[in-house]
Structure formats: C-alpha cells, structure tokens
Amino acid sequence: MMRVTYDPAADAAYFTIADAIAPGEATRQVVTPVAGGTVVLDFNSSGTLLGLEVLGAQRLVPAEVLGRAEPPART
C-alpha cells in the first residue's frame, strides 16, 4: 500500500510505493526538474521503483493529498 509523508518545513512529499525501504536499498535515483519543483524517483538494484520524492510539493501535489499525508519519521 502506498504511503505519503509530507514535511512542510522542507515543502517535500515522499510517496513510498514499496512495502518498506531499507536503508541503502534505493541504489539509483532519477532527478527530474519540473516547473515549480523537482521529482526524484528512487529505484532498487533490480530497477524496481521504491518511491518518489516531490520537492516543491505545495505547487505540484494536490492540497487534499498533502492534507492526508503523515509527518516524516525523524531520526
């Protein structure tokens, strides 16, 4: 099940597509600048999409999605 987190201080949303992402599991990132922000796709070593980060989320992600998002875990 997809999980969405949102950090308003960074204006960054993360959509976790995999069940869980272990530290170091995302071995390849594809960074795509878009109007108003950046989208970063995280892949594992097999090429499976694990999740995606949206920088500039207030401009790129619908407000209702951000409103339902969880706060990010703090480490």
PDB file of N, CA and C in Angstrom:
ATOM      1  N   MET A   1       0.844  -1.185   0.000  1.00  0.00           N
ATOM      2  CA  MET A   1       0.000   0.000   0.000  1.00  0.00           C
ATOM      3  C   MET A   1       0.889   1.247   0.000  1.00  0.00           C
ATOM      4  N   MET A   2       0.529   2.217  -0.787  1.00  0.00           N
ATOM      5  CA  MET A   2       1.312   3.437  -0.889  1.00  0.00           C
ATOM      6  C   MET A   2       1.128   4.288   0.369  1.00  0.00           C
ATOM      7  N   ARG A   3       2.235   4.858   0.827  1.00  0.00           N
ATOM      8  CA  ARG A   3       2.231   5.735   1.995  1.00  0.00           C
ATOM      9  C   ARG A   3       2.762   7.093   1.550  1.00  0.00           C
ATOM     10  N   VAL A   4       2.154   8.165   2.075  1.00  0.00           N
ATOM     11  CA  VAL A   4       2.586   9.518   1.715  1.00  0.00           C
ATOM     12  C   VAL A   4       2.987  10.251   2.988  1.00  0.00           C
ATOM     13  N   THR A   5       4.177  10.845   2.957  1.00  0.00           N
ATOM     14  CA  THR A   5       4.600  11.717   4.049  1.00  0.00           C
ATOM     15  C   THR A   5       4.821  13.113   3.477  1.00  0.00           C
ATOM     16  N   TYR A   6       4.688  14.119   4.358  1.00  0.00           N
ATOM     17  CA  TYR A   6       4.899  15.498   3.918  1.00  0.00           C
ATOM     18  C   TYR A   6       5.593  16.273   5.023  1.00  0.00           C
ATOM     19  N   ASP A   7       6.672  16.953   4.663  1.00  0.00           N
ATOM     20  CA  ASP A   7       7.419  17.812   5.573  1.00  0.00           C
ATOM     21  C   ASP A   7       7.205  19.254   5.119  1.00  0.00           C
ATOM     22  N   PRO A   8       6.330  20.003   5.820  1.00  0.00           N
ATOM     23  CA  PRO A   8       6.052  21.374   5.376  1.00  0.00           C
ATOM     24  C   PRO A   8       7.263  22.301   5.474  1.00  0.00           C
ATOM     25  N   ALA A   9       8.168  22.059   6.415  1.00  0.00           N
ATOM     26  CA  ALA A   9       9.352  22.918   6.540  1.00  0.00           C
ATOM     27  C   ALA A   9      10.236  22.814   5.301  1.00  0.00           C
ATOM     28  N   ALA A  10      10.314  21.623   4.719  1.00  0.00           N
ATOM     29  CA  ALA A  10      11.113  21.407   3.505  1.00  0.00           C
ATOM     30  C   ALA A  10      10.261  21.490   2.247  1.00  0.00           C
ATOM     31  N   ASP A  11       8.943  21.568   2.405  1.00  0.00           N
ATOM     32  CA  ASP A  11       7.982  21.500   1.298  1.00  0.00           C
ATOM     33  C   ASP A  11       8.288  20.293   0.412  1.00  0.00           C
ATOM     34  N   ALA A  12       8.469  19.137   1.088  1.00  0.00           N
ATOM     35  CA  ALA A  12       8.819  17.895   0.398  1.00  0.00           C
ATOM     36  C   ALA A  12       7.829  16.794   0.765  1.00  0.00           C
ATOM     37  N   ALA A  13       7.317  16.121  -0.246  1.00  0.00           N
ATOM     38  CA  ALA A  13       6.431  14.970  -0.044  1.00  0.00           C
ATOM     39  C   ALA A  13       7.154  13.728  -0.539  1.00  0.00           C
ATOM     40  N   TYR A  14       6.915  12.601   0.149  1.00  0.00           N
ATOM     41  CA  TYR A  14       7.503  11.339  -0.293  1.00  0.00           C
ATOM     42  C   TYR A  14       6.398  10.307  -0.415  1.00  0.00           C
ATOM     43  N   PHE A  15       6.333   9.674  -1.572  1.00  0.00           N
ATOM     44  CA  PHE A  15       5.355   8.624  -1.855  1.00  0.00           C
ATOM     45  C   PHE A  15       6.104   7.295  -1.828  1.00  0.00           C
ATOM     46  N   THR A  16       5.874   6.495  -0.794  1.00  0.00           N
ATOM     47  CA  THR A  16       6.511   5.183  -0.683  1.00  0.00           C
ATOM     48  C   THR A  16       5.633   4.175  -1.397  1.00  0.00           C
ATOM     49  N   ILE A  17       6.155   3.555  -2.436  1.00  0.00           N
ATOM     50  CA  ILE A  17       5.399   2.589  -3.226  1.00  0.00           C
ATOM     51  C   ILE A  17       5.665   1.174  -2.731  1.00  0.00           C
ATOM     52  N   ALA A  18       6.910   0.887  -2.333  1.00  0.00           N
ATOM     53  CA  ALA A  18       7.271  -0.431  -1.802  1.00  0.00           C
ATOM     54  C   ALA A  18       6.688  -0.573  -0.397  1.00  0.00           C
ATOM     55  N   ASP A  19       6.574  -1.809   0.082  1.00  0.00           N
ATOM     56  CA  ASP A  19       6.079  -2.036   1.444  1.00  0.00           C
ATOM     57  C   ASP A  19       6.945  -1.308   2.462  1.00  0.00           C
ATOM     58  N   ALA A  20       8.239  -1.375   2.282  1.00  0.00           N
ATOM     59  CA  ALA A  20       9.197  -0.690   3.150  1.00  0.00           C
ATOM     60  C   ALA A  20      10.486  -0.511   2.354  1.00  0.00           C
ATOM     61  N   ILE A  21      11.229   0.534   2.691  1.00  0.00           N
ATOM     62  CA  ILE A  21      12.504   0.781   2.022  1.00  0.00           C
ATOM     63  C   ILE A  21      13.591   0.713   3.089  1.00  0.00           C
ATOM     64  N   ALA A  22      14.449  -0.277   2.982  1.00  0.00           N
ATOM     65  CA  ALA A  22      15.540  -0.443   3.938  1.00  0.00           C
ATOM     66  C   ALA A  22      16.623   0.600   3.676  1.00  0.00           C
ATOM     67  N   PRO A  23      17.367   0.991   4.715  1.00  0.00           N
ATOM     68  CA  PRO A  23      18.473   1.918   4.497  1.00  0.00           C
ATOM     69  C   PRO A  23      19.429   1.381   3.429  1.00  0.00           C
ATOM     70  N   GLY A  24      19.753   2.214   2.465  1.00  0.00           N
ATOM     71  CA  GLY A  24      20.658   1.830   1.393  1.00  0.00           C
ATOM     72  C   GLY A  24      20.023   1.053   0.254  1.00  0.00           C
ATOM     73  N   GLU A  25      18.732   0.743   0.371  1.00  0.00           N
ATOM     74  CA  GLU A  25      18.070  -0.048  -0.676  1.00  0.00           C
ATOM     75  C   GLU A  25      17.878   0.742  -1.967  1.00  0.00           C
ATOM     76  N   ALA A  26      17.652   2.035  -1.838  1.00  0.00           N
ATOM     77  CA  ALA A  26      17.494   2.870  -3.035  1.00  0.00           C
ATOM     78  C   ALA A  26      18.886   3.142  -3.592  1.00  0.00           C
ATOM     79  N   THR A  27      19.250   2.395  -4.618  1.00  0.00           N
ATOM     80  CA  THR A  27      20.609   2.476  -5.156  1.00  0.00           C
ATOM     81  C   THR A  27      20.722   3.384  -6.373  1.00  0.00           C
ATOM     82  N   ARG A  28      19.601   3.778  -6.933  1.00  0.00           N
ATOM     83  CA  ARG A  28      19.624   4.642  -8.124  1.00  0.00           C
ATOM     84  C   ARG A  28      18.521   5.675  -8.010  1.00  0.00           C
ATOM     85  N   GLN A  29      18.859   6.912  -8.298  1.00  0.00           N
ATOM     86  CA  GLN A  29      17.879   7.993  -8.296  1.00  0.00           C
ATOM     87  C   GLN A  29      17.859   8.652  -9.662  1.00  0.00           C
ATOM     88  N   VAL A  30      16.661   8.994 -10.091  1.00  0.00           N
ATOM     89  CA  VAL A  30      16.483   9.755 -11.320  1.00  0.00           C
ATOM     90  C   VAL A  30      15.860  11.084 -10.913  1.00  0.00           C
ATOM     91  N   VAL A  31      16.583  12.168 -11.121  1.00  0.00           N
ATOM     92  CA  VAL A  31      16.142  13.505 -10.731  1.00  0.00           C
ATOM     93  C   VAL A  31      15.570  14.197 -11.956  1.00  0.00           C
ATOM     94  N   THR A  32      14.332  14.671 -11.821  1.00  0.00           N
ATOM     95  CA  THR A  32      13.655  15.327 -12.934  1.00  0.00           C
ATOM     96  C   THR A  32      13.157  16.703 -12.502  1.00  0.00           C
ATOM     97  N   PRO A  33      13.790  17.773 -12.973  1.00  0.00           N
ATOM     98  CA  PRO A  33      13.259  19.105 -12.700  1.00  0.00           C
ATOM     99  C   PRO A  33      11.939  19.293 -13.460  1.00  0.00           C
ATOM    100  N   VAL A  34      10.969  19.858 -12.784  1.00  0.00           N
ATOM    101  CA  VAL A  34       9.683  20.190 -13.406  1.00  0.00           C
ATOM    102  C   VAL A  34       9.347  21.625 -13.021  1.00  0.00           C
ATOM    103  N   ALA A  35       8.434  22.236 -13.736  1.00  0.00           N
ATOM    104  CA  ALA A  35       8.046  23.610 -13.423  1.00  0.00           C
ATOM    105  C   ALA A  35       7.555  23.675 -11.981  1.00  0.00           C
ATOM    106  N   GLY A  36       8.226  24.464 -11.163  1.00  0.00           N
ATOM    107  CA  GLY A  36       7.797  24.638  -9.783  1.00  0.00           C
ATOM    108  C   GLY A  36       8.428  23.693  -8.788  1.00  0.00           C
ATOM    109  N   GLY A  37       9.304  22.789  -9.217  1.00  0.00           N
ATOM    110  CA  GLY A  37       9.907  21.867  -8.261  1.00  0.00           C
ATOM    111  C   GLY A  37      10.758  20.809  -8.923  1.00  0.00           C
ATOM    112  N   THR A  38      10.929  19.713  -8.197  1.00  0.00           N
ATOM    113  CA  THR A  38      11.749  18.595  -8.663  1.00  0.00           C
ATOM    114  C   THR A  38      11.107  17.296  -8.213  1.00  0.00           C
ATOM    115  N   VAL A  39      11.169  16.275  -9.060  1.00  0.00           N
ATOM    116  CA  VAL A  39      10.697  14.938  -8.708  1.00  0.00           C
ATOM    117  C   VAL A  39      11.905  14.008  -8.752  1.00  0.00           C
ATOM    118  N   VAL A  40      12.079  13.228  -7.677  1.00  0.00           N
ATOM    119  CA  VAL A  40      13.192  12.283  -7.580  1.00  0.00           C
ATOM    120  C   VAL A  40      12.612  10.879  -7.459  1.00  0.00           C
ATOM    121  N   LEU A  41      12.939  10.009  -8.426  1.00  0.00           N
ATOM    122  CA  LEU A  41      12.482   8.622  -8.405  1.00  0.00           C
ATOM    123  C   LEU A  41      13.571   7.763  -7.770  1.00  0.00           C
ATOM    124  N   ASP A  42      13.201   6.917  -6.798  1.00  0.00           N
ATOM    125  CA  ASP A  42      14.140   6.016  -6.135  1.00  0.00           C
ATOM    126  C   ASP A  42      13.916   4.588  -6.611  1.00  0.00           C
ATOM    127  N   PHE A  43      14.981   3.953  -7.101  1.00  0.00           N
ATOM    128  CA  PHE A  43      14.932   2.575  -7.598  1.00  0.00           C
ATOM    129  C   PHE A  43      15.884   1.696  -6.793  1.00  0.00           C
ATOM    130  N   ASN A  44      15.563   0.397  -6.694  1.00  0.00           N
ATOM    131  CA  ASN A  44      16.499  -0.545  -6.083  1.00  0.00           C
ATOM    132  C   ASN A  44      17.441  -1.089  -7.152  1.00  0.00           C
ATOM    133  N   SER A  45      18.341  -1.990  -6.759  1.00  0.00           N
ATOM    134  CA  SER A  45      19.343  -2.503  -7.698  1.00  0.00           C
ATOM    135  C   SER A  45      18.739  -3.350  -8.813  1.00  0.00           C
ATOM    136  N   SER A  46      17.498  -3.820  -8.630  1.00  0.00           N
ATOM    137  CA  SER A  46      16.811  -4.596  -9.677  1.00  0.00           C
ATOM    138  C   SER A  46      16.033  -3.713 -10.639  1.00  0.00           C
ATOM    139  N   GLY A  47      16.016  -2.400 -10.365  1.00  0.00           N
ATOM    140  CA  GLY A  47      15.282  -1.478 -11.223  1.00  0.00           C
ATOM    141  C   GLY A  47      13.839  -1.274 -10.825  1.00  0.00           C
ATOM    142  N   THR A  48      13.448  -1.786  -9.650  1.00  0.00           N
ATOM    143  CA  THR A  48      12.075  -1.617  -9.168  1.00  0.00           C
ATOM    144  C   THR A  48      11.922  -0.244  -8.524  1.00  0.00           C
ATOM    145  N   LEU A  49      10.860   0.470  -8.882  1.00  0.00           N
ATOM    146  CA  LEU A  49      10.579   1.770  -8.284  1.00  0.00           C
ATOM    147  C   LEU A  49      10.136   1.567  -6.842  1.00  0.00           C
ATOM    148  N   LEU A  50      10.836   2.212  -5.906  1.00  0.00           N
ATOM    149  CA  LEU A  50      10.521   2.098  -4.487  1.00  0.00           C
ATOM    150  C   LEU A  50       9.661   3.257  -4.005  1.00  0.00           C
ATOM    151  N   GLY A  51       9.928   4.443  -4.523  1.00  0.00           N
ATOM    152  CA  GLY A  51       9.202   5.618  -4.085  1.00  0.00           C
ATOM    153  C   GLY A  51       9.628   6.828  -4.879  1.00  0.00           C
ATOM    154  N   LEU A  52       8.959   7.941  -4.592  1.00  0.00           N
ATOM    155  CA  LEU A  52       9.329   9.174  -5.265  1.00  0.00           C
ATOM    156  C   LEU A  52       9.158  10.346  -4.326  1.00  0.00           C
ATOM    157  N   GLU A  53      10.086  11.279  -4.442  1.00  0.00           N
ATOM    158  CA  GLU A  53      10.070  12.485  -3.631  1.00  0.00           C
ATOM    159  C   GLU A  53       9.689  13.660  -4.515  1.00  0.00           C
ATOM    160  N   VAL A  54       8.852  14.528  -3.983  1.00  0.00           N
ATOM    161  CA  VAL A  54       8.435  15.725  -4.707  1.00  0.00           C
ATOM    162  C   VAL A  54       8.897  16.936  -3.902  1.00  0.00           C
ATOM    163  N   LEU A  55       9.826  17.689  -4.456  1.00  0.00           N
ATOM    164  CA  LEU A  55      10.295  18.928  -3.848  1.00  0.00           C
ATOM    165  C   LEU A  55       9.522  20.069  -4.485  1.00  0.00           C
ATOM    166  N   GLY A  56       9.022  20.977  -3.653  1.00  0.00           N
ATOM    167  CA  GLY A  56       8.084  21.981  -4.150  1.00  0.00           C
ATOM    168  C   GLY A  56       6.680  21.401  -4.147  1.00  0.00           C
ATOM    169  N   ALA A  57       6.405  20.591  -3.138  1.00  0.00           N
ATOM    170  CA  ALA A  57       5.166  19.809  -3.092  1.00  0.00           C
ATOM    171  C   ALA A  57       3.907  20.674  -3.090  1.00  0.00           C
ATOM    172  N   GLN A  58       3.942  21.830  -2.446  1.00  0.00           N
ATOM    173  CA  GLN A  58       2.733  22.666  -2.412  1.00  0.00           C
ATOM    174  C   GLN A  58       2.309  23.103  -3.804  1.00  0.00           C
ATOM    175  N   ARG A  59       3.254  23.211  -4.719  1.00  0.00           N
ATOM    176  CA  ARG A  59       2.931  23.613  -6.089  1.00  0.00           C
ATOM    177  C   ARG A  59       2.584  22.420  -6.973  1.00  0.00           C
ATOM    178  N   LEU A  60       3.062  21.221  -6.616  1.00  0.00           N
ATOM    179  CA  LEU A  60       2.941  20.077  -7.522  1.00  0.00           C
ATOM    180  C   LEU A  60       1.962  18.993  -7.075  1.00  0.00           C
ATOM    181  N   VAL A  61       1.657  18.931  -5.790  1.00  0.00           N
ATOM    182  CA  VAL A  61       0.801  17.867  -5.255  1.00  0.00           C
ATOM    183  C   VAL A  61      -0.518  18.486  -4.805  1.00  0.00           C
ATOM    184  N   PRO A  62      -1.652  17.867  -5.135  1.00  0.00           N
ATOM    185  CA  PRO A  62      -2.938  18.412  -4.699  1.00  0.00           C
ATOM    186  C   PRO A  62      -2.992  18.598  -3.178  1.00  0.00           C
ATOM    187  N   ALA A  63      -3.583  19.709  -2.743  1.00  0.00           N
ATOM    188  CA  ALA A  63      -3.660  20.040  -1.319  1.00  0.00           C
ATOM    189  C   ALA A  63      -4.334  18.938  -0.511  1.00  0.00           C
ATOM    190  N   GLU A  64      -5.337  18.268  -1.080  1.00  0.00           N
ATOM    191  CA  GLU A  64      -6.023  17.211  -0.327  1.00  0.00           C
ATOM    192  C   GLU A  64      -5.098  16.021  -0.065  1.00  0.00           C
ATOM    193  N   VAL A  65      -4.151  15.773  -0.948  1.00  0.00           N
ATOM    194  CA  VAL A  65      -3.172  14.694  -0.730  1.00  0.00           C
ATOM    195  C   VAL A  65      -2.210  15.099   0.385  1.00  0.00           C
ATOM    196  N   LEU A  66      -1.710  16.323   0.345  1.00  0.00           N
ATOM    197  CA  LEU A  66      -0.808  16.795   1.396  1.00  0.00           C
ATOM    198  C   LEU A  66      -1.517  16.840   2.744  1.00  0.00           C
ATOM    199  N   GLY A  67      -2.790  17.187   2.740  1.00  0.00           N
ATOM    200  CA  GLY A  67      -3.565  17.244   3.978  1.00  0.00           C
ATOM    201  C   GLY A  67      -3.732  15.888   4.640  1.00  0.00           C
ATOM    202  N   ARG A  68      -3.715  14.816   3.863  1.00  0.00           N
ATOM    203  CA  ARG A  68      -3.855  13.454   4.408  1.00  0.00           C
ATOM    204  C   ARG A  68      -2.502  12.804   4.688  1.00  0.00           C
ATOM    205  N   ALA A  69      -1.419  13.451   4.281  1.00  0.00           N
ATOM    206  CA  ALA A  69      -0.083  12.864   4.435  1.00  0.00           C
ATOM    207  C   ALA A  69       0.340  12.832   5.897  1.00  0.00           C
ATOM    208  N   GLU A  70       1.173  11.853   6.227  1.00  0.00           N
ATOM    209  CA  GLU A  70       1.740  11.719   7.565  1.00  0.00           C
ATOM    210  C   GLU A  70       2.983  12.593   7.667  1.00  0.00           C
ATOM    211  N   PRO A  71       3.352  12.994   8.887  1.00  0.00           N
ATOM    212  CA  PRO A  71       4.641  13.680   9.028  1.00  0.00           C
ATOM    213  C   PRO A  71       5.768  12.673   8.813  1.00  0.00           C
ATOM    214  N   PRO A  72       6.923  13.127   8.338  1.00  0.00           N
ATOM    215  CA  PRO A  72       8.032  12.185   8.121  1.00  0.00           C
ATOM    216  C   PRO A  72       8.589  11.695   9.452  1.00  0.00           C
ATOM    217  N   ALA A  73       9.154  10.504   9.440  1.00  0.00           N
ATOM    218  CA  ALA A  73       9.806   9.965  10.636  1.00  0.00           C
ATOM    219  C   ALA A  73      11.075  10.767  10.891  1.00  0.00           C
ATOM    220  N   ARG A  74      11.343  11.074  12.113  1.00  0.00           N
ATOM    221  CA  ARG A  74      12.561  11.807  12.488  1.00  0.00           C
ATOM    222  C   ARG A  74      13.572  10.814  13.029  1.00  0.00           C
ATOM    223  N   THR A  75      14.793  10.927  12.538  1.00  0.00           N
ATOM    224  CA  THR A  75      15.843  10.017  13.013  1.00  0.00           C
ATOM    225  C   THR A  75      16.897  10.756  13.788  1.00  0.00           C
TER     226      THR A  75
END
